[in-house]
Protein backbone atom coordinates (compact mmCIF):
# COMPACT_ATOMS: atom_id res chain seq x y z
CA MET A 1 -0.28 27.34 -25.85
CA GLY A 2 1.79 25.99 -22.99
CA SER A 3 -1.23 25.45 -20.76
CA ILE A 4 -3.03 23.53 -23.52
CA VAL A 5 -0.03 21.23 -23.91
CA ALA A 6 0.18 20.75 -20.15
CA LYS A 7 -3.52 19.90 -19.91
CA LEU A 8 -3.23 17.47 -22.82
CA ARG A 9 -0.23 15.82 -21.13
CA ASP A 10 -2.21 15.45 -17.88
CA VAL A 11 -5.16 13.92 -19.71
CA LEU A 12 -2.94 11.45 -21.56
CA ASN A 13 -1.07 10.53 -18.36
CA ASN A 14 -4.37 9.78 -16.62
CA LEU A 15 -5.42 7.43 -19.42
CA TRP A 16 -2.76 4.94 -18.32
CA LYS A 17 -3.28 5.35 -14.60
CA GLU A 18 -4.08 2.17 -12.72
CA ASP A 19 -5.24 1.26 -9.24
CA MET A 20 -3.74 -1.63 -7.33
CA GLU A 21 -4.55 -3.17 -3.95
CA ILE A 22 -2.03 -5.35 -2.14
CA CYS A 23 -2.92 -7.32 0.97
CA LEU A 24 -0.07 -8.65 3.10
CA LEU A 25 -0.87 -11.66 5.27
CA GLY A 26 1.62 -13.68 7.27
CA LEU A 27 2.80 -14.72 10.68
CA GLN A 28 3.73 -12.15 13.30
CA GLY A 29 7.21 -10.72 12.98
CA ALA A 30 7.50 -11.60 9.28
CA GLY A 31 8.09 -7.99 8.18
CA LYS A 32 4.70 -7.09 6.67
CA SER A 33 4.48 -3.68 8.38
CA THR A 34 8.09 -2.90 7.52
CA LEU A 35 7.45 -3.69 3.85
CA VAL A 36 4.32 -1.50 3.82
CA ASN A 37 6.24 1.38 5.41
CA ILE A 38 9.08 1.08 2.90
CA ILE A 39 6.73 0.97 -0.11
CA ALA A 40 4.51 3.79 1.17
CA GLY A 41 7.15 6.08 2.61
CA GLY A 42 10.50 4.72 1.64
CA GLU A 43 11.73 4.57 5.22
CA TYR A 44 12.91 1.63 7.30
CA GLU A 45 11.84 1.88 10.93
CA PRO A 46 13.64 -0.77 13.03
CA SER A 47 11.28 -0.37 15.99
CA THR A 48 8.00 -1.14 14.22
CA ILE A 49 5.31 -2.19 16.69
CA PRO A 50 3.02 -5.18 15.99
CA THR A 51 -0.09 -4.44 13.94
CA ILE A 52 -3.32 -4.66 15.93
CA GLY A 53 -6.11 -5.64 13.52
CA PHE A 54 -5.00 -4.02 10.27
CA GLN A 55 -3.51 -0.87 8.82
CA MET A 56 -4.01 0.58 5.37
CA LYS A 57 -1.73 3.01 3.56
CA THR A 58 -1.95 4.50 0.11
CA THR A 59 0.82 5.69 -2.16
CA GLN A 60 1.43 6.47 -5.80
CA LYS A 61 4.33 5.05 -7.76
CA CYS A 62 4.67 6.25 -11.36
CA ARG A 63 1.10 6.09 -12.67
CA VAL A 64 -0.12 3.45 -10.25
CA ASN A 65 -2.21 4.25 -7.16
CA ILE A 66 -1.40 1.57 -4.60
CA LYS A 67 -3.51 0.70 -1.55
CA LEU A 68 -1.53 -1.47 0.88
CA TRP A 69 -3.33 -3.57 3.50
CA ASP A 70 -1.26 -4.90 6.40
CA VAL A 71 -3.18 -7.46 8.46
CA GLY A 72 -1.97 -8.49 11.93
CA GLY A 73 -0.29 -11.89 12.10
CA GLN A 74 -1.01 -12.86 15.71
CA THR A 75 -3.09 -16.00 16.25
CA LYS A 76 -6.15 -14.05 17.42
CA PHE A 77 -6.25 -12.06 14.14
CA ARG A 78 -5.87 -14.99 11.73
CA PRO A 79 -9.62 -15.69 11.48
CA GLN A 80 -9.92 -12.19 9.93
CA TRP A 81 -7.57 -13.09 7.10
CA ALA A 82 -10.42 -14.56 5.04
CA ARG A 83 -12.02 -11.09 4.86
CA TYR A 84 -9.02 -9.72 2.99
CA CYS A 85 -8.51 -12.54 0.49
């Protein structure tokens, strides 16, 4: 009986699951990578290196699957921003 209840709970929990994608764009040094790291892992790393191109991390918060895109803010990467918007 317990396994049936557990399976039913899992099925019902998955009914309300959602997917979300967040793309962070901004000037270099604005804190985009730091924000992604905090959301994805919960840790603040004071010596974060600049993002070259982009990085993508995934995490799950409650019933939401979150895909976080961090796009480099240096001048040479700004033409790529249109691809992520």
